[in-house]
Amino acid sequence: MFDLRNPFFDPLWIRILVCAVCLGWGIFEFATASPFWGVLFVGIGLNCVYVFFFNFKPQGEQSGSEKDSDE
């Protein structure tokens, strides 16, 4: 759905902000009795947390063969 491996997301503060906004908006949706949108945004936020903090390699740390296979 989103290209979370984009170099735009290399700075830590951007990754934290994206995760916080998605999770915060999901909690807001639950608080306003909109469970569908709450589940959707919390799911996107949790996916971002996984990709950004558990499975993240900045563009500068990828080896040459991995860069070639991504193109």
N, C-alpha and C. Protein backbone atom coordinates (compact mmCIF):
# COMPACT_ATOMS: atom_id res chain seq x y z
N MET A 1 0.83 -1.18 0.00
CA MET A 1 0.00 0.00 0.00
C MET A 1 0.87 1.25 0.00
N PHE A 2 1.91 1.27 0.84
CA PHE A 2 2.83 2.39 0.90
C PHE A 2 4.24 1.87 0.67
N ASP A 3 5.10 2.70 0.10
CA ASP A 3 6.50 2.34 -0.06
C ASP A 3 7.24 2.80 1.19
N LEU A 4 7.28 1.95 2.21
CA LEU A 4 7.90 2.31 3.48
C LEU A 4 9.41 2.18 3.45
N ARG A 5 9.98 1.75 2.34
CA ARG A 5 11.43 1.65 2.21
C ARG A 5 12.01 2.87 1.48
N ASN A 6 11.21 3.88 1.26
CA ASN A 6 11.62 5.10 0.61
C ASN A 6 12.66 5.84 1.46
N PRO A 7 13.67 6.45 0.85
CA PRO A 7 14.68 7.20 1.62
C PRO A 7 14.09 8.33 2.47
N PHE A 8 12.91 8.78 2.14
CA PHE A 8 12.24 9.81 2.95
C PHE A 8 12.11 9.38 4.40
N PHE A 9 11.95 8.07 4.65
CA PHE A 9 11.74 7.56 6.00
C PHE A 9 13.04 7.21 6.72
N ASP A 10 14.20 7.55 6.19
CA ASP A 10 15.47 7.26 6.86
C ASP A 10 15.63 7.97 8.20
N PRO A 11 15.26 9.27 8.33
CA PRO A 11 15.42 9.92 9.65
C PRO A 11 14.47 9.31 10.69
N LEU A 12 15.01 9.10 11.88
CA LEU A 12 14.24 8.47 12.95
C LEU A 12 13.01 9.27 13.33
N TRP A 13 13.10 10.58 13.37
CA TRP A 13 11.97 11.39 13.81
C TRP A 13 10.78 11.27 12.87
N ILE A 14 11.02 11.08 11.59
CA ILE A 14 9.92 10.92 10.63
C ILE A 14 9.22 9.58 10.86
N ARG A 15 10.01 8.52 11.10
CA ARG A 15 9.41 7.20 11.36
C ARG A 15 8.58 7.22 12.63
N ILE A 16 9.08 7.88 13.68
CA ILE A 16 8.33 7.96 14.93
C ILE A 16 7.05 8.76 14.73
N LEU A 17 7.13 9.88 14.00
CA LEU A 17 5.97 10.72 13.76
C LEU A 17 4.89 9.97 12.97
N VAL A 18 5.27 9.26 11.93
CA VAL A 18 4.30 8.51 11.13
C VAL A 18 3.59 7.46 11.98
N CYS A 19 4.35 6.73 12.78
CA CYS A 19 3.75 5.70 13.65
C CYS A 19 2.83 6.33 14.68
N ALA A 20 3.26 7.42 15.29
CA ALA A 20 2.45 8.08 16.32
C ALA A 20 1.15 8.63 15.75
N VAL A 21 1.22 9.22 14.58
CA VAL A 21 0.01 9.78 13.96
C VAL A 21 -0.99 8.68 13.62
N CYS A 22 -0.52 7.60 13.03
CA CYS A 22 -1.42 6.50 12.66
C CYS A 22 -2.05 5.86 13.90
N LEU A 23 -1.23 5.56 14.90
CA LEU A 23 -1.77 4.93 16.11
C LEU A 23 -2.66 5.90 16.88
N GLY A 24 -2.27 7.16 16.95
CA GLY A 24 -3.10 8.16 17.64
C GLY A 24 -4.44 8.35 16.96
N TRP A 25 -4.43 8.38 15.63
CA TRP A 25 -5.69 8.55 14.92
C TRP A 25 -6.58 7.31 15.11
N GLY A 26 -5.98 6.14 15.15
CA GLY A 26 -6.77 4.93 15.40
C GLY A 26 -7.41 4.95 16.77
N ILE A 27 -6.67 5.40 17.78
CA ILE A 27 -7.24 5.51 19.13
C ILE A 27 -8.35 6.55 19.16
N PHE A 28 -8.16 7.66 18.46
CA PHE A 28 -9.20 8.67 18.37
C PHE A 28 -10.47 8.09 17.74
N GLU A 29 -10.31 7.30 16.69
CA GLU A 29 -11.48 6.71 16.03
C GLU A 29 -12.22 5.74 16.97
N PHE A 30 -11.47 4.96 17.76
CA PHE A 30 -12.13 4.10 18.74
C PHE A 30 -12.87 4.93 19.77
N ALA A 31 -12.29 6.03 20.20
CA ALA A 31 -12.92 6.89 21.21
C ALA A 31 -14.19 7.55 20.70
N THR A 32 -14.30 7.75 19.41
CA THR A 32 -15.49 8.37 18.83
C THR A 32 -16.45 7.33 18.26
N ALA A 33 -16.30 6.09 18.69
CA ALA A 33 -17.21 4.99 18.32
C ALA A 33 -17.20 4.68 16.83
N SER A 34 -16.02 4.65 16.23
CA SER A 34 -15.87 4.24 14.84
C SER A 34 -14.87 3.09 14.77
N PRO A 35 -15.34 1.88 15.12
CA PRO A 35 -14.38 0.77 15.22
C PRO A 35 -13.74 0.37 13.88
N PHE A 36 -14.45 0.50 12.78
CA PHE A 36 -13.86 0.14 11.49
C PHE A 36 -12.61 0.97 11.22
N TRP A 37 -12.75 2.30 11.33
CA TRP A 37 -11.62 3.18 11.06
C TRP A 37 -10.54 3.03 12.13
N GLY A 38 -10.95 2.73 13.36
CA GLY A 38 -9.97 2.49 14.41
C GLY A 38 -9.10 1.29 14.11
N VAL A 39 -9.73 0.20 13.70
CA VAL A 39 -8.97 -1.01 13.36
C VAL A 39 -8.08 -0.75 12.16
N LEU A 40 -8.58 -0.02 11.18
CA LEU A 40 -7.80 0.28 9.98
C LEU A 40 -6.55 1.08 10.32
N PHE A 41 -6.69 2.16 11.07
CA PHE A 41 -5.54 3.01 11.38
C PHE A 41 -4.59 2.37 12.38
N VAL A 42 -5.10 1.63 13.35
CA VAL A 42 -4.21 0.92 14.27
C VAL A 42 -3.44 -0.16 13.50
N GLY A 43 -4.08 -0.82 12.57
CA GLY A 43 -3.39 -1.82 11.74
C GLY A 43 -2.29 -1.20 10.90
N ILE A 44 -2.57 -0.06 10.29
CA ILE A 44 -1.54 0.63 9.51
C ILE A 44 -0.41 1.07 10.42
N GLY A 45 -0.75 1.58 11.60
CA GLY A 45 0.27 2.01 12.55
C GLY A 45 1.15 0.87 13.02
N LEU A 46 0.55 -0.28 13.32
CA LEU A 46 1.33 -1.44 13.75
C LEU A 46 2.21 -1.96 12.62
N ASN A 47 1.71 -1.91 11.39
CA ASN A 47 2.53 -2.31 10.24
C ASN A 47 3.73 -1.36 10.10
N CYS A 48 3.51 -0.07 10.28
CA CYS A 48 4.60 0.89 10.22
C CYS A 48 5.62 0.64 11.33
N VAL A 49 5.15 0.34 12.54
CA VAL A 49 6.07 0.05 13.64
C VAL A 49 6.94 -1.15 13.28
N TYR A 50 6.33 -2.19 12.74
CA TYR A 50 7.10 -3.39 12.38
C TYR A 50 8.14 -3.08 11.30
N VAL A 51 7.71 -2.41 10.24
CA VAL A 51 8.61 -2.13 9.12
C VAL A 51 9.70 -1.14 9.52
N PHE A 52 9.35 -0.11 10.30
CA PHE A 52 10.30 0.95 10.63
C PHE A 52 11.28 0.57 11.73
N PHE A 53 10.89 -0.29 12.65
CA PHE A 53 11.74 -0.51 13.82
C PHE A 53 12.23 -1.95 13.96
N PHE A 54 11.55 -2.92 13.39
CA PHE A 54 11.98 -4.30 13.51
C PHE A 54 12.57 -4.86 12.22
N ASN A 55 12.23 -4.26 11.09
CA ASN A 55 12.65 -4.78 9.80
C ASN A 55 13.13 -3.63 8.91
N PHE A 56 13.95 -2.73 9.46
CA PHE A 56 14.33 -1.51 8.74
C PHE A 56 15.81 -1.50 8.42
N LYS A 57 16.13 -1.21 7.17
CA LYS A 57 17.50 -0.99 6.74
C LYS A 57 17.52 0.31 5.95
N PRO A 58 18.20 1.34 6.45
CA PRO A 58 18.29 2.59 5.67
C PRO A 58 18.93 2.34 4.31
N GLN A 59 18.66 3.19 3.36
CA GLN A 59 19.16 3.02 2.00
C GLN A 59 20.68 2.93 1.95
N GLY A 60 21.39 3.62 2.81
CA GLY A 60 22.85 3.61 2.80
C GLY A 60 23.45 2.31 3.29
N GLU A 61 22.69 1.50 4.03
CA GLU A 61 23.21 0.26 4.60
C GLU A 61 22.95 -0.96 3.73
N GLN A 62 22.22 -0.83 2.64
CA GLN A 62 21.95 -1.97 1.78
C GLN A 62 23.19 -2.27 0.96
N SER A 63 23.45 -3.56 0.74
CA SER A 63 24.58 -3.94 -0.09
C SER A 63 24.25 -3.69 -1.56
N GLY A 64 25.26 -3.72 -2.39
CA GLY A 64 25.06 -3.47 -3.80
C GLY A 64 24.14 -4.46 -4.47
N SER A 65 24.22 -5.74 -4.08
CA SER A 65 23.36 -6.75 -4.71
C SER A 65 21.91 -6.54 -4.34
N GLU A 66 21.62 -6.09 -3.10
CA GLU A 66 20.25 -5.83 -2.71
C GLU A 66 19.69 -4.63 -3.45
N LYS A 67 20.52 -3.62 -3.68
CA LYS A 67 20.06 -2.45 -4.42
C LYS A 67 19.72 -2.83 -5.84
N ASP A 68 20.54 -3.69 -6.46
CA ASP A 68 20.30 -4.10 -7.83
C ASP A 68 19.02 -4.91 -7.94
N SER A 69 18.72 -5.77 -6.96
CA SER A 69 17.53 -6.60 -7.03
C SER A 69 16.27 -5.79 -6.80
N ASP A 70 16.35 -4.64 -6.10
CA ASP A 70 15.18 -3.82 -5.85
C ASP A 70 14.77 -3.00 -7.08
N GLU A 71 15.68 -2.78 -7.99
CA GLU A 71 15.38 -1.93 -9.15
C GLU A 71 14.65 -2.66 -10.21
